[in-house]
Amino acid sequence: MVEDADREHAAALARFLRFLLAAGDVSFDGKRLLAADGRTETVSRDILADAVRLGLVTRAGSRLAANPEARAHLRRRLCTAETPFAAQHRDLAPVVVVHDGTRQTAMANRLESPLAALARLKEKTGEAWLPDGAIAAGERLHADFTRGGLQPRMTMSWEPRIATRQKGEAGAARELTDTALAARGRVAKAIEAIGPELSGVALDVCCFMKGLETVERERQWPARSAKLLLRAALMALARHYAPPVPPSRRMHAWGSEGFRPDLPR
């Protein structure tokens, strides 16, 4: 019975928060919530007091407003994972990946993708501003960049500085695995395919995960120029990963009047 009461209390709190988030500024007359558009909702004083105590709602007299923590609270409630606090920052979606030559379905967090925001942009016609192939190409470049160990070190290195390699041995490359070396080779070929004019913005956004405004400020580019250059770079990268099939050439044979080809019997 206690668990049932707790579930009902949590459900009532969720309804209350959803109403506030949808309505914005709301007045409370002691029993009912009144939104600016005329919608009403009943709420108990216990639910209201609990929401204020948890920091989900701010009350100033008869006026109520939802805090940013209210949206996070609802996301945690909708999460079915064992770690709801981590799951509230995820947007999981199924993706198809190639592993050992076979296509497999995996779950990916779209919020971790550097192109997640651009993937939601639409043209005036309603079509995606970036095709799926361009998005996949940017994510593939990011995966190879990470797999190749090309990400800059963000923390202090505690490894000893004493050199242990013998004379004539390879340097840092000897410590890389075959997978990392292959990934670095793919990144180098991808950058070459994009070209020197467009490879910089592709690396900044897809690999170093910089925002478009940051790229424009660092490179002193005009506003909204990085968006267009990135699209051109990703389209070139998509053609590199999946070259278009050349049209088949038709064979023509010319003969004089009365010519008859030899047909196999």
Protein backbone atom coordinates (compact mmCIF):
# COMPACT_ATOMS: atom_id res chain seq x y z
CA MET A 1 0.00 0.00 0.00
CA VAL A 2 2.86 2.36 0.75
CA GLU A 3 4.36 1.73 -2.68
CA ASP A 4 0.99 2.43 -4.34
CA ALA A 5 0.71 5.72 -2.46
CA ASP A 6 4.23 6.69 -3.49
CA ARG A 7 3.47 5.93 -7.14
CA GLU A 8 0.27 7.99 -7.01
CA HIS A 9 2.15 10.87 -5.39
CA ALA A 10 4.88 10.73 -8.05
CA ALA A 11 2.30 10.61 -10.84
CA ALA A 12 0.43 13.62 -9.42
CA LEU A 13 3.70 15.55 -9.11
CA ALA A 14 4.53 14.72 -12.73
CA ARG A 15 1.11 15.96 -13.94
CA PHE A 16 1.60 19.17 -11.96
CA LEU A 17 5.06 19.77 -13.46
CA ARG A 18 3.89 19.04 -17.00
CA PHE A 19 1.09 21.58 -16.61
CA LEU A 20 3.49 24.25 -15.35
CA LEU A 21 6.03 23.61 -18.10
CA ALA A 22 3.35 23.81 -20.79
CA ALA A 23 1.54 26.84 -19.36
CA GLY A 24 4.52 28.91 -18.17
CA ASP A 25 3.45 31.42 -15.52
CA VAL A 26 0.51 30.05 -13.51
CA SER A 27 -1.63 31.44 -10.68
CA PHE A 28 -2.82 29.32 -7.74
CA ASP A 29 -5.98 30.09 -5.80
CA GLY A 30 -5.45 27.47 -3.12
CA LYS A 31 -7.01 24.57 -5.00
CA ARG A 32 -6.73 25.14 -8.74
CA LEU A 33 -4.00 26.19 -11.16
CA LEU A 34 -5.03 28.82 -13.70
CA ALA A 35 -2.96 29.33 -16.85
CA ALA A 36 -2.94 32.47 -18.98
CA ASP A 37 -4.83 30.71 -21.78
CA GLY A 38 -7.67 29.77 -19.43
CA ARG A 39 -6.72 26.16 -18.78
CA THR A 40 -7.11 24.91 -15.22
CA GLU A 41 -5.76 21.98 -13.22
CA THR A 42 -6.30 20.90 -9.64
CA VAL A 43 -3.37 20.24 -7.35
CA SER A 44 -3.16 19.38 -3.69
CA ARG A 45 -1.21 21.48 -1.22
CA ASP A 46 1.01 18.48 -0.42
CA ILE A 47 2.09 18.16 -4.06
CA LEU A 48 2.76 21.89 -4.29
CA ALA A 49 4.73 21.91 -1.05
CA ASP A 50 6.75 18.90 -2.18
CA ALA A 51 7.57 20.54 -5.52
CA VAL A 52 8.73 23.74 -3.79
CA ARG A 53 10.77 21.76 -1.26
CA LEU A 54 12.53 19.82 -4.03
CA GLY A 55 13.39 23.04 -5.85
CA LEU A 56 11.24 22.15 -8.86
CA VAL A 57 8.84 25.09 -8.54
CA THR A 58 9.22 28.69 -7.43
CA ARG A 59 6.29 30.33 -5.63
CA ALA A 60 5.85 34.05 -5.24
CA GLY A 61 2.52 34.69 -3.55
CA SER A 62 -0.12 33.20 -5.82
CA ARG A 63 2.20 32.93 -8.82
CA LEU A 64 3.93 29.65 -9.66
CA ALA A 65 6.72 28.98 -12.16
CA ALA A 66 8.59 25.79 -13.00
CA ASN A 67 12.36 25.76 -12.47
CA PRO A 68 14.77 24.16 -14.98
CA GLU A 69 15.09 21.22 -12.59
CA ALA A 70 11.46 20.34 -13.28
CA ARG A 71 12.17 19.28 -16.85
CA ALA A 72 15.10 17.13 -15.68
CA HIS A 73 12.86 15.55 -13.05
CA LEU A 74 10.31 14.54 -15.71
CA ARG A 75 13.04 13.11 -17.95
CA ARG A 76 14.29 10.95 -15.09
CA ARG A 77 10.75 9.72 -14.43
CA LEU A 78 10.36 8.66 -18.08
CA CYS A 79 13.69 6.81 -18.07
CA THR A 80 13.51 3.04 -17.74
CA ALA A 81 17.29 2.59 -17.31
CA GLU A 82 18.91 1.58 -14.04
CA THR A 83 20.73 4.92 -13.91
CA PRO A 84 18.04 7.56 -14.48
CA PHE A 85 20.31 10.50 -13.62
CA ALA A 86 22.66 9.54 -16.45
CA ALA A 87 19.84 8.49 -18.78
CA GLN A 88 18.17 11.91 -18.60
CA HIS A 89 21.08 13.31 -20.65
CA ARG A 90 20.81 10.67 -23.37
CA ASP A 91 18.82 10.41 -26.55
CA LEU A 92 19.22 6.77 -27.55
CA ALA A 93 18.29 5.62 -31.03
CA PRO A 94 19.04 2.44 -33.02
CA VAL A 95 21.78 2.72 -35.63
CA VAL A 96 23.31 0.26 -38.09
CA VAL A 97 27.06 -0.30 -37.74
CA VAL A 98 29.48 -2.51 -39.64
CA HIS A 99 31.54 -4.82 -37.41
CA ASP A 100 33.90 -7.41 -38.87
CA GLY A 101 32.23 -7.07 -42.23
CA THR A 102 28.69 -7.64 -40.94
CA ARG A 103 25.94 -5.08 -40.41
CA GLN A 104 24.62 -4.97 -36.84
CA THR A 105 22.09 -2.84 -35.00
CA ALA A 106 23.34 -0.92 -31.97
CA MET A 107 22.05 1.83 -29.69
CA ALA A 108 23.74 5.21 -30.00
CA ASN A 109 23.36 8.39 -27.97
CA ARG A 110 22.47 11.05 -30.51
CA LEU A 111 23.37 13.82 -28.07
CA GLU A 112 27.01 12.68 -28.18
CA SER A 113 27.19 13.16 -31.93
CA PRO A 114 28.85 16.44 -32.95
CA LEU A 115 26.31 16.68 -35.77
CA ALA A 116 23.20 16.05 -33.65
CA ALA A 117 22.01 19.66 -33.84
CA LEU A 118 22.65 19.91 -37.59
CA ALA A 119 20.85 16.63 -38.23
CA ARG A 120 17.60 18.23 -37.01
CA LEU A 121 17.75 21.17 -39.44
CA LYS A 122 15.20 21.20 -42.24
CA GLU A 123 14.99 22.86 -45.64
CA LYS A 124 12.01 25.01 -46.56
CA THR A 125 10.61 22.00 -48.40
CA GLY A 126 10.72 19.94 -45.19
CA GLU A 127 13.64 17.79 -46.29
CA ALA A 128 16.69 17.34 -44.10
CA TRP A 129 19.32 20.05 -44.54
CA LEU A 130 22.04 17.40 -44.27
CA PRO A 131 21.40 14.03 -45.95
CA ASP A 132 21.75 10.87 -43.90
CA GLY A 133 24.85 9.96 -45.87
CA ALA A 134 26.58 13.22 -44.90
CA ILE A 135 25.72 12.74 -41.22
CA ALA A 136 26.99 9.16 -41.31
CA ALA A 137 30.20 10.31 -43.01
CA GLY A 138 30.88 12.90 -40.31
CA GLU A 139 30.27 10.37 -37.53
CA ARG A 140 32.52 7.85 -39.28
CA LEU A 141 35.31 10.41 -39.44
CA HIS A 142 34.84 11.14 -35.74
CA ALA A 143 34.95 7.42 -34.92
CA ASP A 144 38.19 6.89 -36.86
CA PHE A 145 39.70 10.01 -35.31
CA THR A 146 38.93 8.70 -31.82
CA ARG A 147 39.93 5.12 -32.62
CA GLY A 148 43.26 6.34 -33.95
CA GLY A 149 44.09 8.08 -30.68
CA LEU A 150 44.23 11.51 -32.30
CA GLN A 151 42.21 13.26 -29.61
CA PRO A 152 44.35 15.71 -27.61
CA ARG A 153 45.17 14.72 -24.03
CA MET A 154 42.97 16.65 -21.59
CA THR A 155 44.65 15.52 -18.34
CA MET A 156 48.18 15.38 -17.01
CA SER A 157 50.30 12.44 -18.11
CA TRP A 158 51.90 10.53 -15.23
CA GLU A 159 53.97 8.30 -17.49
CA PRO A 160 57.75 8.41 -16.89
CA ARG A 161 59.77 10.48 -19.32
CA ILE A 162 62.76 8.10 -19.29
CA ALA A 163 63.28 6.74 -22.78
CA THR A 164 63.29 2.94 -22.93
CA ARG A 165 63.42 2.25 -26.67
CA GLN A 166 66.57 0.96 -28.22
CA LYS A 167 68.51 2.61 -31.00
CA GLY A 168 66.86 2.11 -34.34
CA GLU A 169 63.42 1.28 -32.90
CA ALA A 170 60.28 3.11 -33.96
CA GLY A 171 59.03 5.96 -31.82
CA ALA A 172 55.50 6.42 -30.53
CA ALA A 173 54.07 4.48 -33.47
CA ARG A 174 55.35 1.20 -32.02
CA GLU A 175 52.89 1.53 -29.12
CA LEU A 176 49.88 1.86 -31.42
CA THR A 177 47.77 -1.15 -32.25
CA ASP A 178 47.04 -2.21 -35.80
CA THR A 179 43.49 -0.93 -35.35
CA ALA A 180 44.70 2.54 -34.36
CA LEU A 181 47.18 2.69 -37.22
CA ALA A 182 44.49 1.65 -39.71
CA ALA A 183 42.14 4.30 -38.31
CA ARG A 184 44.82 6.98 -38.72
CA GLY A 185 45.32 5.91 -42.30
CA ARG A 186 41.59 6.23 -42.99
CA VAL A 187 41.53 9.70 -41.44
CA ALA A 188 44.45 10.80 -43.62
CA LYS A 189 42.71 9.53 -46.76
CA ALA A 190 39.45 11.22 -45.75
CA ILE A 191 41.18 14.56 -45.19
CA GLU A 192 42.88 14.26 -48.56
CA ALA A 193 39.55 13.51 -50.23
CA ILE A 194 37.85 16.54 -48.63
CA GLY A 195 40.63 18.86 -49.76
CA PRO A 196 42.67 21.50 -47.93
CA GLU A 197 40.01 24.19 -48.29
CA LEU A 198 37.27 22.27 -46.45
CA SER A 199 39.09 19.74 -44.28
CA GLY A 200 39.70 22.25 -41.47
CA VAL A 201 36.03 22.87 -40.69
CA ALA A 202 35.29 19.13 -40.89
CA LEU A 203 38.03 18.37 -38.36
CA ASP A 204 36.94 21.19 -36.05
CA VAL A 205 33.29 20.15 -35.92
CA CYS A 206 33.37 16.37 -36.37
CA CYS A 207 36.61 15.53 -34.53
CA PHE A 208 37.32 18.34 -32.07
CA MET A 209 33.55 18.86 -31.55
CA LYS A 210 33.64 22.64 -31.79
CA GLY A 211 30.49 24.66 -32.37
CA LEU A 212 29.96 26.50 -35.62
CA GLU A 213 30.13 29.88 -33.89
CA THR A 214 33.45 28.91 -32.31
CA VAL A 215 34.85 27.89 -35.69
CA GLU A 216 33.77 31.19 -37.25
CA ARG A 217 35.30 33.18 -34.41
CA GLU A 218 38.60 31.32 -34.44
CA ARG A 219 38.94 31.45 -38.22
CA GLN A 220 37.50 34.98 -38.50
CA TRP A 221 34.84 33.86 -40.94
CA PRO A 222 31.54 35.66 -41.61
CA ALA A 223 28.48 34.58 -39.67
CA ARG A 224 26.77 31.38 -40.87
CA SER A 225 29.62 30.65 -43.30
CA ALA A 226 30.89 27.63 -41.33
CA LYS A 227 27.50 25.97 -41.71
CA LEU A 228 27.66 26.09 -45.51
CA LEU A 229 31.31 25.07 -45.70
CA LEU A 230 30.70 22.16 -43.35
CA ARG A 231 27.87 20.94 -45.55
CA ALA A 232 30.14 21.02 -48.61
CA ALA A 233 32.86 19.19 -46.68
CA LEU A 234 30.51 16.46 -45.48
CA MET A 235 29.06 15.96 -48.95
CA ALA A 236 32.58 15.47 -50.31
CA LEU A 237 33.36 13.10 -47.43
CA ALA A 238 30.20 11.09 -48.13
CA ARG A 239 31.29 10.66 -51.77
CA HIS A 240 34.69 9.48 -50.53
CA TYR A 241 33.19 6.80 -48.28
CA ALA A 242 30.51 5.77 -50.78
CA PRO A 243 31.63 6.70 -54.31
CA PRO A 244 28.76 6.97 -56.80
CA VAL A 245 28.49 4.11 -59.24
CA PRO A 246 29.66 5.30 -62.68
CA PRO A 247 27.08 4.88 -65.43
CA SER A 248 27.66 1.80 -67.56
CA ARG A 249 28.88 2.49 -71.07
CA ARG A 250 26.83 1.06 -73.89
CA MET A 251 28.70 -0.72 -76.66
CA HIS A 252 27.87 0.42 -80.19
CA ALA A 253 28.70 -1.38 -83.41
CA TRP A 254 28.47 0.29 -86.76
CA GLY A 255 27.98 -1.58 -90.02
CA SER A 256 27.22 -0.80 -93.60
CA GLU A 257 23.89 -1.49 -95.26
CA GLY A 258 23.06 -5.18 -95.22
CA PHE A 259 25.45 -5.92 -92.33
CA ARG A 260 24.44 -8.88 -90.18
CA PRO A 261 26.28 -9.64 -86.94
CA ASP A 262 27.50 -13.17 -86.24
CA LEU A 263 25.30 -14.65 -83.55
CA PRO A 264 26.38 -17.61 -81.47
CA ARG A 265 24.58 -20.83 -82.28
